[in-house]
Protein backbone atom coordinates (compact mmCIF):
# COMPACT_ATOMS: atom_id res chain seq x y z
CA MET A 1 -20.85 5.48 -3.04
CA ALA A 2 -20.05 10.04 -1.71
CA ALA A 3 -22.32 12.01 -2.66
CA ASN A 4 -21.36 14.72 -5.81
CA PRO A 5 -20.01 17.86 -3.91
CA ALA A 6 -21.77 21.65 -4.22
CA PRO A 7 -20.90 22.95 -7.48
CA ASP A 8 -18.83 25.78 -6.15
CA VAL A 9 -15.96 23.01 -4.73
CA ARG A 10 -13.03 22.72 -6.86
CA VAL A 11 -10.71 19.94 -6.17
CA GLY A 12 -7.24 19.45 -8.23
CA ALA A 13 -6.39 15.73 -9.91
CA VAL A 14 -3.75 14.29 -10.73
CA GLU A 15 -2.82 11.46 -13.25
CA ALA A 16 1.25 10.10 -12.59
CA GLY A 17 2.04 7.96 -15.58
CA GLY A 18 5.39 6.89 -16.21
CA THR A 19 5.52 8.78 -19.48
CA LYS A 20 3.69 11.97 -18.46
CA PHE A 21 2.38 12.84 -15.50
CA ARG A 22 -2.05 14.86 -16.35
CA CYS A 23 -2.91 17.58 -14.10
CA ALA A 24 -6.52 18.96 -13.94
CA LEU A 25 -8.43 21.26 -11.25
CA VAL A 26 -12.01 20.53 -11.69
CA ARG A 27 -16.15 22.17 -9.71
CA GLY A 28 -17.93 19.36 -8.26
CA ASP A 29 -20.33 19.35 -10.96
CA GLY A 30 -17.31 17.70 -12.98
CA ASP A 31 -16.65 20.69 -15.38
CA VAL A 32 -12.83 20.48 -16.02
CA LEU A 33 -11.68 24.63 -15.65
CA ALA A 34 -7.69 23.81 -16.23
CA ASP A 35 -5.95 20.37 -18.47
CA GLY A 36 -2.45 20.33 -18.43
CA ARG A 37 -0.20 17.27 -19.71
CA ILE A 38 2.80 17.40 -18.01
CA PRO A 39 6.52 15.18 -19.17
CA THR A 40 7.58 12.41 -16.69
CA THR A 41 11.45 13.24 -16.26
CA GLU A 42 13.30 13.08 -12.45
CA PRO A 43 10.92 14.00 -9.28
CA ALA A 44 12.35 17.12 -8.60
CA GLU A 45 11.91 18.60 -11.71
CA THR A 46 8.30 16.78 -12.77
CA LEU A 47 7.24 17.54 -9.08
CA ALA A 48 7.56 21.66 -9.48
CA ARG A 49 6.32 21.53 -11.80
CA VAL A 50 2.49 19.98 -11.24
CA VAL A 51 2.78 22.65 -8.53
CA GLY A 52 3.15 25.31 -10.85
CA PHE A 53 0.01 24.03 -12.25
CA PHE A 54 -1.99 24.25 -9.75
CA ALA A 55 -0.75 27.41 -8.56
CA GLU A 56 -1.27 29.19 -11.78
CA ALA A 57 -5.17 27.18 -11.91
CA GLN A 58 -6.02 28.43 -8.94
CA ARG A 59 -4.82 31.37 -8.89
CA ARG A 60 -7.09 31.44 -12.31
CA HIS A 61 -10.56 29.17 -11.04
CA GLY A 62 -10.11 29.55 -6.90
CA ALA A 63 -8.62 27.40 -5.17
CA ALA A 64 -9.04 23.87 -4.46
CA GLN A 65 -9.79 22.28 -1.15
CA ALA A 66 -8.48 18.83 -1.76
CA PHE A 67 -5.83 17.05 -4.54
CA GLY A 68 -5.98 13.58 -5.64
CA ILE A 69 -3.08 11.20 -6.97
CA GLY A 70 -3.53 8.44 -8.63
CA SER A 71 -0.24 6.96 -9.80
CA PHE A 72 1.79 4.46 -10.94
CA GLY A 73 3.28 2.33 -8.60
CA PRO A 74 3.84 -0.08 -5.98
CA LEU A 75 3.11 2.71 -4.39
CA ASP A 76 2.65 2.15 -0.02
CA LEU A 77 -0.94 2.27 0.99
CA ALA A 78 -0.49 1.08 4.61
CA PRO A 79 -2.41 3.47 7.17
CA GLY A 80 0.06 4.72 9.12
CA SER A 81 2.18 3.74 6.97
CA PRO A 82 5.52 5.96 7.63
CA THR A 83 6.58 6.01 3.64
CA TYR A 84 1.77 6.02 2.69
CA GLY A 85 2.19 7.78 -0.50
CA ARG A 86 5.58 6.85 -1.24
CA LEU A 87 6.52 4.88 -4.65
CA LEU A 88 8.00 1.38 -3.79
CA ARG A 89 10.66 -0.31 -6.32
CA THR A 90 9.49 1.13 -9.37
CA PRO A 91 10.81 0.25 -12.81
CA LYS A 92 10.41 4.24 -13.57
CA ALA A 93 14.10 4.66 -12.57
CA GLY A 94 15.26 7.60 -10.58
CA TRP A 95 11.58 7.14 -8.69
CA ALA A 96 11.06 4.64 -5.93
CA GLY A 97 11.28 5.79 -2.48
CA VAL A 98 9.81 9.35 -3.94
CA ASP A 99 6.96 11.24 -2.06
CA LEU A 100 3.93 11.95 -4.68
CA ARG A 101 1.67 13.92 -1.34
CA GLN A 102 4.23 16.20 0.17
CA LEU A 103 4.55 19.21 -2.42
CA LEU A 104 0.91 19.43 -2.66
CA GLN A 105 0.65 19.58 1.26
CA GLU A 106 3.14 21.96 1.94
CA ARG A 107 2.85 24.24 -0.82
CA PHE A 108 -1.50 24.45 -0.72
CA GLY A 109 -2.33 22.72 2.80
CA ARG A 110 -4.91 20.63 1.58
CA PRO A 111 -5.14 17.00 2.88
CA VAL A 112 -4.27 14.95 -0.70
CA ALA A 113 -5.01 11.57 -1.45
CA ILE A 114 -3.29 8.69 -3.18
CA ASP A 115 -4.03 5.19 -5.10
CA THR A 116 -3.08 3.65 -7.91
CA ASP A 117 -3.31 5.24 -11.04
CA VAL A 118 -6.14 2.19 -12.09
CA ASN A 119 -7.38 1.70 -9.03
CA ALA A 120 -8.56 5.64 -9.44
CA ALA A 121 -9.90 4.58 -13.02
CA ALA A 122 -11.97 2.04 -11.68
CA LEU A 123 -13.58 4.09 -8.98
CA ALA A 124 -13.90 6.92 -11.83
CA GLU A 125 -15.10 4.03 -14.10
CA ALA A 126 -17.78 1.97 -11.17
CA GLU A 127 -19.36 5.47 -10.03
CA ARG A 128 -19.51 7.47 -13.38
CA GLY A 129 -18.30 4.71 -16.87
CA ALA A 130 -19.28 1.59 -17.22
CA GLY A 131 -19.54 0.34 -13.90
CA ARG A 132 -22.69 1.76 -13.53
CA GLY A 133 -25.31 -0.11 -11.43
CA LEU A 134 -22.91 -2.71 -10.73
CA ARG A 135 -21.48 -3.51 -7.26
CA SER A 136 -18.15 -4.01 -8.61
CA LEU A 137 -15.87 -3.93 -11.11
CA ALA A 138 -12.24 -4.46 -12.43
CA TYR A 139 -10.09 -2.21 -14.05
CA VAL A 140 -7.15 -3.04 -16.15
CA THR A 141 -4.97 -0.79 -18.36
CA VAL A 142 -2.51 -2.00 -21.49
CA GLY A 143 0.08 0.17 -22.63
CA THR A 144 3.90 1.55 -21.06
CA GLY A 145 2.51 -0.91 -18.16
CA ILE A 146 -0.03 -3.23 -17.41
CA GLY A 147 -2.18 -2.64 -14.47
CA GLY A 148 -5.17 -3.35 -12.57
CA GLY A 149 -8.09 -2.06 -10.06
CA VAL A 150 -10.94 -3.76 -8.31
CA VAL A 151 -13.96 -1.68 -6.95
CA ARG A 152 -16.37 -3.33 -4.83
CA GLU A 153 -19.51 -1.53 -2.80
CA GLY A 154 -17.44 1.92 -4.40
CA ARG A 155 -14.28 0.60 -2.38
CA THR A 156 -10.95 0.08 -3.94
CA LEU A 157 -9.30 -2.98 -3.44
CA ARG A 158 -6.21 -3.02 -0.81
CA GLY A 159 -4.76 -5.02 1.24
CA ALA A 160 -1.20 -5.36 2.42
CA MET A 161 -0.22 -3.45 -0.52
CA HIS A 162 -2.52 -3.05 -3.50
CA PRO A 163 -3.27 -5.63 -6.22
CA GLU A 164 -0.36 -6.05 -9.37
CA MET A 165 -2.10 -7.55 -11.90
CA GLY A 166 0.72 -6.55 -14.32
CA HIS A 167 3.37 -8.98 -12.51
CA ILE A 168 1.04 -12.65 -12.36
CA LEU A 169 2.63 -15.50 -14.38
CA VAL A 170 1.24 -16.42 -17.79
CA ARG A 171 1.99 -19.43 -19.61
CA ARG A 172 3.40 -19.24 -23.04
CA ASP A 173 2.07 -19.55 -26.34
CA PRO A 174 4.15 -22.10 -28.03
CA ARG A 175 4.91 -19.12 -31.00
CA ASP A 176 6.98 -16.89 -27.86
CA THR A 177 9.29 -18.74 -26.47
CA ALA A 178 12.32 -17.35 -27.78
CA PHE A 179 11.62 -13.52 -26.22
CA ALA A 180 13.01 -13.07 -22.76
CA GLY A 181 10.61 -11.03 -21.91
CA THR A 182 10.74 -6.86 -20.71
CA CYS A 183 10.28 -6.12 -17.12
CA PRO A 184 13.50 -5.56 -14.80
CA PHE A 185 11.97 -8.10 -12.56
CA HIS A 186 10.67 -11.20 -13.55
CA GLY A 187 11.00 -10.71 -17.26
CA ASP A 188 8.45 -13.01 -18.52
CA CYS A 189 5.29 -11.86 -16.47
CA LEU A 190 2.38 -10.47 -18.12
CA GLU A 191 4.21 -6.98 -18.30
CA GLY A 192 7.14 -8.81 -19.33
CA LEU A 193 5.23 -9.88 -22.80
CA ALA A 194 1.85 -7.82 -23.77
CA SER A 195 3.57 -4.18 -22.48
CA GLY A 196 3.71 -1.20 -25.39
CA PRO A 197 7.22 -2.18 -24.75
CA ALA A 198 7.16 -5.30 -24.30
CA ILE A 199 5.20 -5.32 -28.45
CA GLN A 200 7.84 -2.87 -29.36
CA ALA A 201 10.01 -5.34 -28.81
CA ARG A 202 9.66 -8.08 -29.88
CA TRP A 203 8.27 -6.78 -33.16
CA GLY A 204 10.03 -3.17 -34.03
CA ALA A 205 7.01 -1.65 -33.34
CA PRO A 206 3.74 -0.84 -31.90
CA LEU A 207 0.81 -3.42 -33.11
CA ASP A 208 -1.09 -0.65 -34.89
CA ALA A 209 1.43 0.02 -36.91
CA LEU A 210 2.71 -3.72 -38.01
CA GLY A 211 0.14 -4.02 -40.27
CA ALA A 212 -2.36 -6.69 -37.11
CA PRO A 213 -0.73 -10.06 -38.00
CA VAL A 214 -3.03 -12.46 -36.95
CA ASP A 215 0.76 -14.41 -34.74
CA ALA A 216 1.43 -11.34 -32.58
CA LEU A 217 -2.67 -10.76 -32.20
CA GLU A 218 -3.23 -14.43 -31.18
CA ILE A 219 0.00 -13.73 -29.10
CA ILE A 220 -0.70 -11.15 -27.30
CA GLY A 221 -4.86 -11.26 -26.66
CA GLY A 222 -3.79 -14.83 -25.36
CA TYR A 223 -2.50 -13.37 -22.79
CA LEU A 224 -4.42 -11.19 -21.96
CA ALA A 225 -6.98 -13.39 -21.97
CA GLN A 226 -4.88 -14.99 -19.09
CA LEU A 227 -5.62 -12.53 -16.55
CA VAL A 228 -9.47 -11.66 -17.84
CA VAL A 229 -9.70 -15.37 -16.56
CA SER A 230 -7.41 -15.32 -13.30
CA ILE A 231 -9.50 -12.04 -12.79
CA ALA A 232 -12.83 -13.13 -13.43
CA LEU A 233 -12.25 -16.17 -10.62
CA LEU A 234 -10.53 -14.34 -8.13
CA THR A 235 -12.78 -11.82 -7.78
CA ALA A 236 -15.70 -12.74 -9.31
CA CYS A 237 -15.95 -8.47 -10.73
CA GLU A 238 -19.16 -8.44 -12.58
CA ARG A 239 -17.81 -6.38 -15.09
CA ILE A 240 -13.98 -6.19 -16.67
CA VAL A 241 -12.90 -3.02 -18.34
CA ILE A 242 -9.55 -2.82 -20.79
CA GLY A 243 -8.08 0.19 -21.42
CA GLY A 244 -5.03 1.55 -21.84
CA GLY A 245 -2.72 2.22 -25.40
CA VAL A 246 -2.33 -1.42 -26.60
CA MET A 247 -6.25 -1.57 -26.84
CA THR A 248 -6.77 1.09 -29.37
CA GLN A 249 -6.02 -2.10 -31.62
CA ALA A 250 -8.98 -2.39 -32.31
CA ALA A 251 -8.41 -5.92 -33.47
CA LEU A 252 -7.51 -7.48 -30.32
CA TRP A 253 -10.90 -7.32 -29.15
CA PRO A 254 -12.04 -10.39 -30.71
CA ARG A 255 -8.74 -12.66 -30.08
CA ILE A 256 -8.85 -11.94 -26.65
CA ARG A 257 -12.66 -13.19 -25.60
CA THR A 258 -11.78 -15.89 -28.56
CA ALA A 259 -9.01 -17.55 -26.26
CA THR A 260 -11.19 -16.05 -22.97
CA ARG A 261 -13.49 -18.72 -23.97
CA ARG A 262 -10.97 -20.73 -25.17
CA LEU A 263 -9.89 -20.93 -21.43
CA VAL A 264 -12.73 -20.71 -19.57
CA ASN A 265 -13.91 -23.71 -21.72
CA GLY A 266 -17.40 -22.54 -20.45
CA TYR A 267 -17.26 -22.84 -16.78
CA LEU A 268 -17.91 -19.24 -16.11
CA PRO A 269 -21.72 -18.19 -17.11
CA MET A 270 -20.32 -14.67 -17.88
CA LEU A 271 -17.62 -15.91 -20.12
CA ARG A 272 -19.67 -18.89 -21.50
CA ASP A 273 -20.87 -17.44 -25.17
CA GLU A 274 -19.82 -13.99 -27.46
CA ALA A 275 -23.14 -11.60 -25.85
CA SER A 276 -22.08 -12.52 -22.27
CA LEU A 277 -18.18 -11.75 -23.69
CA ALA A 278 -19.47 -8.93 -25.09
CA ASP A 279 -21.47 -7.46 -22.44
CA TYR A 280 -19.08 -8.20 -19.41
CA LEU A 281 -15.66 -6.77 -20.56
CA VAL A 282 -15.52 -3.83 -22.17
CA PRO A 283 -13.37 -0.63 -22.96
CA PRO A 284 -13.68 2.20 -20.87
CA ALA A 285 -17.10 3.96 -20.72
CA LEU A 286 -14.83 7.15 -20.13
CA GLY A 287 -12.27 6.89 -22.31
CA GLU A 288 -8.62 8.77 -21.65
CA ARG A 289 -10.96 10.43 -18.42
CA SER A 290 -11.15 7.37 -16.52
CA GLY A 291 -7.57 8.21 -14.73
CA ILE A 292 -8.31 11.66 -14.17
CA MET A 293 -11.85 11.83 -13.10
CA GLY A 294 -11.01 8.91 -10.84
CA ALA A 295 -8.07 11.27 -8.63
CA ALA A 296 -10.50 13.40 -8.40
CA LEU A 297 -12.66 11.48 -6.74
CA LEU A 298 -10.76 10.91 -4.58
CA ALA A 299 -9.65 14.18 -3.42
CA GLU A 300 -14.08 14.92 -3.22
CA ARG A 301 -14.28 11.79 -1.01
CA LEU A 302 -11.95 13.97 1.57
CA LEU A 303 -14.50 16.22 1.80
C-alpha cells in the first residue's frame, strides 16, 4: 500500500465512462481542486476536452505530477504490449483501438497510469472506503454496463487481461426466457440481462421508474446474486462492494441477499445468514467518488 503523498503534490484523475468522463485535479491530501464532467462523444472530441480541462485546472491550481485513468473496457493492460493502454473490442461504438494515455502524455509530459474503472474503484474502496483493514475486496458496478474489479494485498487483479465479470454466463430465470439480452457480443450474459440498458429494453423504463415490481426485482436480484456467489467462490475475497446506477433502487438489495443465500445453501460461512451477508455485501463507502478517487490513487502510485 502506497504512503500518502505530500499535500503539495497534485495529480490528475480521469474516470472514463461510456456516457461521461469525470476529470479532477487532486492534492496529495485528497482535496479536489477542480472537478468536471465531459459527455462521452467521439474519441477525438472527448479526449481534447479532457486535455482542455487539465490545462485550465493546472493553470489555476498548479501542475500535476502524474495522471491516473480508470476506464471502461476492455483494455490492453499487458506490460510491454505495443497497444498497452488502448481499448480493445469495446461495445462503445468508435472507441475500439483508442489510446487513452497518449494525449495526456504528449500535452503535459507526465507519466500516466491506467486500469479499468472498476479496478480503480476497487482500489479506492480497499484503501479508503469499505475495505479498510481488509486484505481483499471485490467491487462491482451495475449501470450502463456491468463490471467487476478485485484488489488483493493492495494490488488490482490482472493477468492475460483484467476481470470481465459482466460477461459471465448465468442461468436464466424461468420468468425471463423470452428476452434475448442486449450484449452485442453474447446476448444474454450478465450484462446483457441485468444492466441498465437491459432493464430499459425489457421493461421500457429503469427499475426506479417501474414502481419496483416484484418480478423485475427478483429477476435482476437473482442474476446479480449469481455474480456475487461466483466472485465469492472464485476469489474468496473478504468483502464485495456493489455500486452503480441500478443499485440506487434500495428494494433490490434484499432480493440479491435472499437469492445469494438460496444459491449458496449454507456452503460459505460469509454468505450463510442475514448478519453475515449484511457485512459481506455492501454499497460503496465512498459513494460516487470511488472511481475518481481510484484514478487519483493510480496516479499517486507513480510517484
